[in-house]
C-alpha atoms as a PDB file:
ATOM      1  CA  MET A   1     -10.822  20.730  35.265  1.00  0.00           C
ATOM      2  CA  THR A   2      -8.839  18.556  32.841  1.00  0.00           C
ATOM      3  CA  LEU A   3     -10.348  17.957  29.412  1.00  0.00           C
ATOM      4  CA  HIS A   4      -9.585  14.582  27.827  1.00  0.00           C
ATOM      5  CA  THR A   5      -9.696  14.603  24.047  1.00  0.00           C
ATOM      6  CA  THR A   6      -8.895  11.958  21.476  1.00  0.00           C
ATOM      7  CA  SER A   7      -5.684  12.711  19.598  1.00  0.00           C
ATOM      8  CA  PRO A   8      -6.189  13.284  15.856  1.00  0.00           C
ATOM      9  CA  PHE A   9      -2.932  11.378  15.329  1.00  0.00           C
ATOM     10  CA  GLY A  10      -4.354   8.104  16.648  1.00  0.00           C
ATOM     11  CA  LEU A  11      -6.693   5.596  15.023  1.00  0.00           C
ATOM     12  CA  ALA A  12      -8.928   4.856  18.007  1.00  0.00           C
ATOM     13  CA  GLY A  13     -12.245   3.537  16.731  1.00  0.00           C
ATOM     14  CA  LYS A  14     -11.132   3.481  13.087  1.00  0.00           C
ATOM     15  CA  LYS A  15     -11.877   0.489  10.852  1.00  0.00           C
ATOM     16  CA  GLY A  16      -9.407  -0.481   8.152  1.00  0.00           C
ATOM     17  CA  LEU A  17      -8.867  -2.951   5.329  1.00  0.00           C
ATOM     18  CA  ILE A  18      -5.245  -3.791   4.486  1.00  0.00           C
ATOM     19  CA  LEU A  19      -4.238  -5.927   1.503  1.00  0.00           C
ATOM     20  CA  GLY A  20      -0.878  -7.462   0.700  1.00  0.00           C
ATOM     21  CA  LEU A  21       0.493  -9.375   3.687  1.00  0.00           C
ATOM     22  CA  ALA A  22       3.211 -11.810   2.649  1.00  0.00           C
ATOM     23  CA  SER A  23       5.755 -11.947   5.498  1.00  0.00           C
ATOM     24  CA  GLU A  24       7.015 -10.046   8.521  1.00  0.00           C
ATOM     25  CA  GLN A  25       8.878  -7.733   6.108  1.00  0.00           C
ATOM     26  CA  SER A  26       5.682  -6.756   4.255  1.00  0.00           C
ATOM     27  CA  ILE A  27       4.697  -3.108   4.279  1.00  0.00           C
ATOM     28  CA  ALA A  28       1.115  -4.328   4.690  1.00  0.00           C
ATOM     29  CA  TRP A  29       2.102  -6.186   7.866  1.00  0.00           C
ATOM     30  CA  GLY A  30       3.860  -3.122   9.253  1.00  0.00           C
ATOM     31  CA  CYS A  31       0.781  -1.016   8.553  1.00  0.00           C
ATOM     32  CA  ALA A  32      -1.571  -3.557  10.118  1.00  0.00           C
ATOM     33  CA  ARG A  33       0.499  -3.897  13.267  1.00  0.00           C
ATOM     34  CA  MET A  34       0.937  -0.131  13.632  1.00  0.00           C
ATOM     35  CA  ALA A  35      -2.734   0.604  12.963  1.00  0.00           C
ATOM     36  CA  GLN A  36      -3.816  -1.874  15.613  1.00  0.00           C
ATOM     37  CA  GLN A  37      -1.351  -0.396  18.092  1.00  0.00           C
ATOM     38  CA  GLN A  38      -2.945   2.996  17.466  1.00  0.00           C
ATOM     39  CA  GLY A  39      -6.416   1.685  18.249  1.00  0.00           C
ATOM     40  CA  ALA A  40      -7.774   0.591  14.872  1.00  0.00           C
ATOM     41  CA  GLU A  41      -9.659  -2.597  14.083  1.00  0.00           C
ATOM     42  CA  VAL A  42      -8.407  -4.168  10.875  1.00  0.00           C
ATOM     43  CA  VAL A  43      -9.193  -6.906   8.406  1.00  0.00           C
ATOM     44  CA  VAL A  44      -6.107  -8.021   6.488  1.00  0.00           C
ATOM     45  CA  SER A  45      -5.542 -10.190   3.442  1.00  0.00           C
ATOM     46  CA  CYS A  46      -2.866 -12.289   1.770  1.00  0.00           C
ATOM     47  CA  LEU A  47      -2.669 -13.798  -1.704  1.00  0.00           C
ATOM     48  CA  ASN A  48      -3.435 -17.484  -1.180  1.00  0.00           C
ATOM     49  CA  GLU A  49      -3.382 -20.425   1.215  1.00  0.00           C
ATOM     50  CA  LYS A  50       0.372 -20.795   0.810  1.00  0.00           C
ATOM     51  CA  ALA A  51       0.810 -17.221   2.048  1.00  0.00           C
ATOM     52  CA  VAL A  52      -1.455 -17.973   5.015  1.00  0.00           C
ATOM     53  CA  GLY A  53       1.269 -20.253   6.350  1.00  0.00           C
ATOM     54  CA  PHE A  54       3.704 -17.330   6.448  1.00  0.00           C
ATOM     55  CA  VAL A  55       1.431 -14.624   7.867  1.00  0.00           C
ATOM     56  CA  GLN A  56      -1.022 -16.412  10.154  1.00  0.00           C
ATOM     57  CA  PRO A  57       1.670 -16.800  12.856  1.00  0.00           C
ATOM     58  CA  LEU A  58       1.908 -12.990  12.772  1.00  0.00           C
ATOM     59  CA  THR A  59      -1.788 -12.124  12.733  1.00  0.00           C
ATOM     60  CA  GLU A  60      -3.231 -14.838  14.971  1.00  0.00           C
ATOM     61  CA  PRO A  61      -1.517 -13.786  18.234  1.00  0.00           C
ATOM     62  CA  LEU A  62      -2.885 -10.266  17.705  1.00  0.00           C
ATOM     63  CA  GLY A  63      -6.393 -11.475  16.922  1.00  0.00           C
ATOM     64  CA  MET A  64      -6.371  -9.975  13.426  1.00  0.00           C
ATOM     65  CA  ASP A  65      -8.960 -11.174  10.935  1.00  0.00           C
ATOM     66  CA  LEU A  66      -6.917 -12.710   8.079  1.00  0.00           C
ATOM     67  CA  GLN A  67      -8.558 -13.406   4.731  1.00  0.00           C
ATOM     68  CA  VAL A  68      -7.326 -14.727   1.387  1.00  0.00           C
ATOM     69  CA  CYS A  69      -7.772 -12.459  -1.634  1.00  0.00           C
ATOM     70  CA  ASN A  70      -6.285 -12.855  -5.105  1.00  0.00           C
ATOM     71  CA  VAL A  71      -7.204  -9.632  -6.915  1.00  0.00           C
ATOM     72  CA  GLU A  72      -6.949 -11.393 -10.300  1.00  0.00           C
ATOM     73  CA  GLN A  73      -9.805 -13.733  -9.413  1.00  0.00           C
ATOM     74  CA  PRO A  74     -13.304 -12.412 -10.251  1.00  0.00           C
ATOM     75  CA  GLY A  75     -15.359 -11.602  -7.187  1.00  0.00           C
ATOM     76  CA  GLU A  76     -12.514 -11.978  -4.673  1.00  0.00           C
ATOM     77  CA  MET A  77     -12.202  -8.263  -3.876  1.00  0.00           C
ATOM     78  CA  ALA A  78     -15.959  -7.862  -3.541  1.00  0.00           C
ATOM     79  CA  ARG A  79     -16.085 -10.841  -1.183  1.00  0.00           C
ATOM     80  CA  LEU A  80     -13.254  -9.375   0.910  1.00  0.00           C
ATOM     81  CA  VAL A  81     -14.895  -5.947   1.178  1.00  0.00           C
ATOM     82  CA  ASP A  82     -18.276  -7.512   2.017  1.00  0.00           C
ATOM     83  CA  HIS A  83     -16.618  -9.560   4.775  1.00  0.00           C
ATOM     84  CA  ALA A  84     -14.845  -6.522   6.221  1.00  0.00           C
ATOM     85  CA  VAL A  85     -18.017  -4.440   6.252  1.00  0.00           C
ATOM     86  CA  ALA A  86     -20.077  -7.264   7.755  1.00  0.00           C
ATOM     87  CA  LYS A  87     -17.499  -7.621  10.524  1.00  0.00           C
ATOM     88  CA  MET A  88     -16.742  -3.957  11.250  1.00  0.00           C
ATOM     89  CA  GLY A  89     -19.845  -2.082  10.046  1.00  0.00           C
ATOM     90  CA  HIS A  90     -18.020   0.462   7.895  1.00  0.00           C
ATOM     91  CA  LEU A  91     -14.544   1.430   6.682  1.00  0.00           C
ATOM     92  CA  ASP A  92     -12.355   4.413   7.524  1.00  0.00           C
ATOM     93  CA  PHE A  93      -9.175   3.526   5.647  1.00  0.00           C
ATOM     94  CA  LEU A  94      -7.844   1.232   2.949  1.00  0.00           C
ATOM     95  CA  VAL A  95      -4.213   0.224   2.386  1.00  0.00           C
ATOM     96  CA  HIS A  96      -3.375  -1.384  -0.978  1.00  0.00           C
ATOM     97  CA  SER A  97       0.119  -2.869  -0.787  1.00  0.00           C
ATOM     98  CA  ILE A  98       0.119  -5.169  -3.809  1.00  0.00           C
ATOM     99  CA  ALA A  99       2.472  -5.211  -6.788  1.00  0.00           C
ATOM    100  CA  TRP A 100       3.320  -7.958  -9.238  1.00  0.00           C
ATOM    101  CA  ALA A 101       4.593  -8.575 -12.753  1.00  0.00           C
ATOM    102  CA  PRO A 102       5.608 -11.785 -14.531  1.00  0.00           C
ATOM    103  CA  LEU A 103       9.332 -12.318 -13.960  1.00  0.00           C
ATOM    104  CA  GLU A 104      10.091 -12.706 -17.653  1.00  0.00           C
ATOM    105  CA  ASP A 105       8.646  -9.249 -18.264  1.00  0.00           C
ATOM    106  CA  LEU A 106       9.983  -7.680 -15.072  1.00  0.00           C
ATOM    107  CA  HIS A 107      13.561  -8.802 -15.733  1.00  0.00           C
ATOM    108  CA  GLY A 108      13.613  -7.811 -19.372  1.00  0.00           C
ATOM    109  CA  ARG A 109      13.598  -4.498 -21.192  1.00  0.00           C
ATOM    110  CA  VAL A 110      10.341  -2.555 -21.160  1.00  0.00           C
ATOM    111  CA  ILE A 111      10.363  -2.503 -24.965  1.00  0.00           C
ATOM    112  CA  ASP A 112      10.508  -6.301 -24.956  1.00  0.00           C
ATOM    113  CA  SER A 113       7.655  -6.789 -22.487  1.00  0.00           C
ATOM    114  CA  SER A 114       4.682  -8.841 -23.619  1.00  0.00           C
ATOM    115  CA  SER A 115       1.282  -7.230 -23.909  1.00  0.00           C
ATOM    116  CA  THR A 116      -0.108  -9.942 -21.636  1.00  0.00           C
ATOM    117  CA  GLY A 117       2.547  -9.382 -18.970  1.00  0.00           C
ATOM    118  CA  PHE A 118       2.151  -5.631 -19.129  1.00  0.00           C
ATOM    119  CA  ALA A 119      -1.627  -5.929 -18.811  1.00  0.00           C
ATOM    120  CA  ARG A 120      -1.383  -8.300 -15.832  1.00  0.00           C
ATOM    121  CA  ALA A 121       1.103  -6.017 -14.068  1.00  0.00           C
ATOM    122  CA  MET A 122      -1.269  -3.088 -14.584  1.00  0.00           C
ATOM    123  CA  GLU A 123      -4.271  -5.090 -13.409  1.00  0.00           C
ATOM    124  CA  VAL A 124      -2.652  -6.331 -10.184  1.00  0.00           C
ATOM    125  CA  SER A 125      -0.501  -3.334  -9.282  1.00  0.00           C
ATOM    126  CA  CYS A 126      -2.656  -0.434 -10.455  1.00  0.00           C
ATOM    127  CA  HIS A 127      -6.225  -1.062 -11.583  1.00  0.00           C
ATOM    128  CA  SER A 128      -7.044  -3.238  -8.580  1.00  0.00           C
ATOM    129  CA  PHE A 129      -6.678  -0.087  -6.454  1.00  0.00           C
ATOM    130  CA  ALA A 130      -9.402   1.613  -8.498  1.00  0.00           C
ATOM    131  CA  GLN A 131     -11.586  -1.473  -8.197  1.00  0.00           C
ATOM    132  CA  LEU A 132     -11.120  -1.535  -4.429  1.00  0.00           C
ATOM    133  CA  ALA A 133     -11.966   2.154  -4.214  1.00  0.00           C
ATOM    134  CA  HIS A 134     -15.183   1.492  -6.136  1.00  0.00           C
ATOM    135  CA  LEU A 135     -16.095  -1.249  -3.673  1.00  0.00           C
ATOM    136  CA  CYS A 136     -14.995   0.538  -0.493  1.00  0.00           C
ATOM    137  CA  ALA A 137     -16.181   4.117  -1.076  1.00  0.00           C
ATOM    138  CA  PRO A 138     -19.892   3.356  -0.429  1.00  0.00           C
ATOM    139  CA  HIS A 139     -18.860   1.985   2.980  1.00  0.00           C
ATOM    140  CA  MET A 140     -16.988   5.133   4.051  1.00  0.00           C
ATOM    141  CA  PRO A 141     -19.915   7.241   5.271  1.00  0.00           C
ATOM    142  CA  HIS A 142     -17.663   9.483   7.365  1.00  0.00           C
ATOM    143  CA  GLY A 143     -15.013   9.898   4.688  1.00  0.00           C
ATOM    144  CA  GLY A 144     -11.631   8.302   5.116  1.00  0.00           C
ATOM    145  CA  SER A 145      -8.285   7.540   3.544  1.00  0.00           C
ATOM    146  CA  MET A 146      -7.106   5.262   0.735  1.00  0.00           C
ATOM    147  CA  LEU A 147      -3.391   4.494   0.341  1.00  0.00           C
ATOM    148  CA  ALA A 148      -1.375   2.696  -2.323  1.00  0.00           C
ATOM    149  CA  MET A 149       2.359   1.949  -2.468  1.00  0.00           C
ATOM    150  CA  THR A 150       4.585   3.346  -5.199  1.00  0.00           C
ATOM    151  CA  TYR A 151       8.305   3.896  -5.774  1.00  0.00           C
ATOM    152  CA  LEU A 152      10.695   6.525  -7.141  1.00  0.00           C
ATOM    153  CA  GLY A 153      10.932   4.482 -10.355  1.00  0.00           C
ATOM    154  CA  ALA A 154       7.557   5.948 -11.300  1.00  0.00           C
ATOM    155  CA  ASP A 155       9.158   9.374 -11.692  1.00  0.00           C
ATOM    156  CA  GLU A 156      12.718   8.459 -12.685  1.00  0.00           C
ATOM    157  CA  ALA A 157      14.126   5.694 -14.855  1.00  0.00           C
ATOM    158  CA  VAL A 158      15.728   3.417 -12.255  1.00  0.00           C
ATOM    159  CA  PRO A 159      18.023   0.688 -13.622  1.00  0.00           C
ATOM    160  CA  HIS A 160      16.478  -2.796 -13.353  1.00  0.00           C
ATOM    161  CA  TYR A 161      13.088  -1.495 -12.153  1.00  0.00           C
ATOM    162  CA  GLY A 162      11.862  -2.000 -15.696  1.00  0.00           C
ATOM    163  CA  LEU A 163       8.191  -2.654 -16.318  1.00  0.00           C
ATOM    164  CA  MET A 164       7.143  -1.589 -12.828  1.00  0.00           C
ATOM    165  CA  GLY A 165       8.230   2.002 -13.526  1.00  0.00           C
ATOM    166  CA  PRO A 166       5.461   2.723 -16.064  1.00  0.00           C
ATOM    167  CA  VAL A 167       3.002   0.729 -13.943  1.00  0.00           C
ATOM    168  CA  LYS A 168       3.753   2.773 -10.819  1.00  0.00           C
ATOM    169  CA  ALA A 169       3.583   5.999 -12.866  1.00  0.00           C
ATOM    170  CA  ALA A 170       0.061   4.988 -13.868  1.00  0.00           C
ATOM    171  CA  LEU A 171      -0.744   4.264 -10.222  1.00  0.00           C
ATOM    172  CA  GLU A 172       0.385   7.745  -9.137  1.00  0.00           C
ATOM    173  CA  SER A 173      -1.769   9.332 -11.841  1.00  0.00           C
ATOM    174  CA  LEU A 174      -4.677   7.121 -10.758  1.00  0.00           C
ATOM    175  CA  VAL A 175      -4.271   8.422  -7.200  1.00  0.00           C
ATOM    176  CA  ARG A 176      -4.705  12.019  -8.375  1.00  0.00           C
ATOM    177  CA  TYR A 177      -7.858  11.211 -10.344  1.00  0.00           C
ATOM    178  CA  MET A 178      -9.300   9.195  -7.476  1.00  0.00           C
ATOM    179  CA  ALA A 179      -8.607  12.111  -5.126  1.00  0.00           C
ATOM    180  CA  LEU A 180     -10.533  14.401  -7.464  1.00  0.00           C
ATOM    181  CA  GLU A 181     -13.451  12.010  -7.812  1.00  0.00           C
ATOM    182  CA  LEU A 182     -13.763  11.041  -4.142  1.00  0.00           C
ATOM    183  CA  GLY A 183     -12.914  14.327  -2.447  1.00  0.00           C
ATOM    184  CA  GLY A 184     -16.546  15.384  -2.299  1.00  0.00           C
ATOM    185  CA  LYS A 185     -17.228  12.358  -0.094  1.00  0.00           C
ATOM    186  CA  GLY A 186     -14.427  13.336   2.278  1.00  0.00           C
ATOM    187  CA  ILE A 187     -12.241  10.470   1.053  1.00  0.00           C
ATOM    188  CA  ARG A 188      -8.547  11.292   0.700  1.00  0.00           C
ATOM    189  CA  VAL A 189      -6.253   9.318  -1.592  1.00  0.00           C
ATOM    190  CA  HIS A 190      -2.460   9.125  -1.490  1.00  0.00           C
ATOM    191  CA  ALA A 191       0.444   7.209  -2.961  1.00  0.00           C
ATOM    192  CA  VAL A 192       3.135   6.412  -0.406  1.00  0.00           C
ATOM    193  CA  SER A 193       6.616   6.134  -1.932  1.00  0.00           C
ATOM    194  CA  PRO A 194       9.049   4.281   0.339  1.00  0.00           C
ATOM    195  CA  GLY A 195      12.701   3.835  -0.379  1.00  0.00           C
ATOM    196  CA  PRO A 196      13.772   0.280  -1.239  1.00  0.00           C
ATOM    197  CA  ILE A 197      12.936  -2.217   1.465  1.00  0.00           C
ATOM    198  CA  SER A 198      13.510  -5.955   1.317  1.00  0.00           C
ATOM    199  CA  THR A 199       9.956  -7.211   0.921  1.00  0.00           C
ATOM    200  CA  ARG A 200       9.172 -10.498  -0.829  1.00  0.00           C
ATOM    201  CA  ALA A 201       7.826  -8.638  -3.874  1.00  0.00           C
ATOM    202  CA  ALA A 202      10.829  -6.308  -4.087  1.00  0.00           C
ATOM    203  CA  ARG A 203      13.249  -9.222  -4.061  1.00  0.00           C
ATOM    204  CA  GLY A 204      11.847 -10.217  -7.440  1.00  0.00           C
ATOM    205  CA  ILE A 205      13.545  -7.149  -8.961  1.00  0.00           C
ATOM    206  CA  ALA A 206      16.858  -7.955 -10.623  1.00  0.00           C
ATOM    207  CA  HIS A 207      19.972  -6.596  -8.846  1.00  0.00           C
ATOM    208  CA  PHE A 208      17.853  -5.436  -5.912  1.00  0.00           C
ATOM    209  CA  ASP A 209      20.857  -5.453  -3.558  1.00  0.00           C
ATOM    210  CA  GLU A 210      22.576  -2.952  -5.850  1.00  0.00           C
ATOM    211  CA  LEU A 211      19.469  -0.767  -5.844  1.00  0.00           C
ATOM    212  CA  MET A 212      19.447  -0.715  -2.032  1.00  0.00           C
ATOM    213  CA  ALA A 213      23.168   0.070  -1.852  1.00  0.00           C
ATOM    214  CA  HIS A 214      22.721   2.955  -4.299  1.00  0.00           C
ATOM    215  CA  ALA A 215      19.831   4.310  -2.208  1.00  0.00           C
ATOM    216  CA  VAL A 216      22.058   4.401   0.880  1.00  0.00           C
ATOM    217  CA  GLN A 217      24.739   6.309  -1.047  1.00  0.00           C
ATOM    218  CA  LYS A 218      22.245   8.772  -2.507  1.00  0.00           C
ATOM    219  CA  ALA A 219      20.003   9.424   0.514  1.00  0.00           C
ATOM    220  CA  PRO A 220      20.751  12.518   2.616  1.00  0.00           C
ATOM    221  CA  LEU A 221      20.040  10.384   5.692  1.00  0.00           C
ATOM    222  CA  GLN A 222      22.630   7.890   4.395  1.00  0.00           C
ATOM    223  CA  ARG A 223      20.538   4.846   5.222  1.00  0.00           C
ATOM    224  CA  LEU A 224      17.486   2.878   4.204  1.00  0.00           C
ATOM    225  CA  VAL A 225      14.162   3.573   5.869  1.00  0.00           C
ATOM    226  CA  THR A 226      12.599   1.062   8.232  1.00  0.00           C
ATOM    227  CA  LEU A 227       9.295  -0.742   8.079  1.00  0.00           C
ATOM    228  CA  ASP A 228       8.174   1.200  11.151  1.00  0.00           C
ATOM    229  CA  GLU A 229       8.954   4.534   9.468  1.00  0.00           C
ATOM    230  CA  ILE A 230       6.832   3.584   6.469  1.00  0.00           C
ATOM    231  CA  SER A 231       4.032   2.343   8.712  1.00  0.00           C
ATOM    232  CA  GLN A 232       4.097   5.515  10.815  1.00  0.00           C
ATOM    233  CA  LEU A 233       3.557   7.621   7.695  1.00  0.00           C
ATOM    234  CA  CYS A 234       0.678   5.406   6.611  1.00  0.00           C
ATOM    235  CA  THR A 235      -0.861   5.639  10.082  1.00  0.00           C
ATOM    236  CA  PHE A 236      -0.655   9.427   9.941  1.00  0.00           C
ATOM    237  CA  LEU A 237      -2.316   9.482   6.509  1.00  0.00           C
ATOM    238  CA  ALA A 238      -5.094   7.220   7.780  1.00  0.00           C
ATOM    239  CA  SER A 239      -5.670   9.466  10.799  1.00  0.00           C
ATOM    240  CA  ASP A 240      -7.711  12.647  11.145  1.00  0.00           C
ATOM    241  CA  ALA A 241      -4.453  14.573  11.526  1.00  0.00           C
ATOM    242  CA  SER A 242      -4.053  14.425   7.718  1.00  0.00           C
ATOM    243  CA  SER A 243      -7.631  15.529   6.981  1.00  0.00           C
ATOM    244  CA  GLY A 244      -6.560  18.472   4.800  1.00  0.00           C
ATOM    245  CA  MET A 245      -4.333  16.409   2.499  1.00  0.00           C
ATOM    246  CA  THR A 246      -5.171  14.411  -0.618  1.00  0.00           C
ATOM    247  CA  GLY A 247      -3.926  13.517  -4.084  1.00  0.00           C
ATOM    248  CA  GLN A 248      -0.231  13.410  -3.218  1.00  0.00           C
ATOM    249  CA  THR A 249       2.715  11.109  -3.703  1.00  0.00           C
ATOM    250  CA  ILE A 250       4.427  11.252  -0.322  1.00  0.00           C
ATOM    251  CA  TYR A 251       8.002  10.029   0.010  1.00  0.00           C
ATOM    252  CA  VAL A 252       9.511   8.199   2.955  1.00  0.00           C
ATOM    253  CA  ASP A 253      12.882   7.365   1.411  1.00  0.00           C
ATOM    254  CA  GLY A 254      15.565   9.091   3.450  1.00  0.00           C
ATOM    255  CA  GLY A 255      15.473  11.969   0.990  1.00  0.00           C
ATOM    256  CA  CYS A 256      16.465  10.033  -2.160  1.00  0.00           C
ATOM    257  CA  HIS A 257      13.773  11.722  -4.259  1.00  0.00           C
ATOM    258  CA  ALA A 258      15.232  15.157  -3.499  1.00  0.00           C
ATOM    259  CA  VAL A 259      18.771  14.444  -4.705  1.00  0.00           C
ATOM    260  CA  ALA A 260      19.874  14.379  -8.367  1.00  0.00           C
END
């Protein structure tokens, strides 16, 4: 007799909320597409109505539920989570793929950054993940997985990454504390650290082409990673196959983090 079992590596029956769609190059889009391919139902969000014009042609053919959510606007995250829970019943995973800083602060020296710009970068890129966790955790009765996106500049001083380095360092620390606080509920929390990839947000970094070229030279794999490779890691971390893991920064960067 043949026994048919559900693979722990798939997402069949899982319900997920994914924030940060901006274009077909978005990590959030890659994660949404991959999660759906693996059997998950997802609700996805983008920043505003302007962004809807870029991402709706991607989500609509796949029947994805696309919502608008600006995390700086009071009540927007709560409305998004309420909508997702009303539609899907509960949540099994959350993907936070949002980062932003004012260009005048991002392109300048960290020591010249404004307190307002620094605070806004922290609010959008870091603290919003904690706020989402607060909203989503009560709707994860079976445990689950929460993921945020970081970068090597959190651990090393990367030229031109500037203000986002300290912000991402705070995000990685936040991940560890969230893992500690939510572990008793069976909720795992990770920071995923991709190598440079040409997303709309990343292109706001000064000299980004140089950063990508340096990554190719430094990486043991001698290339950049793909959107699918990042999405595959996120899918694994959202699946039951990663049930014994939490509180980590996990790199998918061709090995850049391992080379001096």
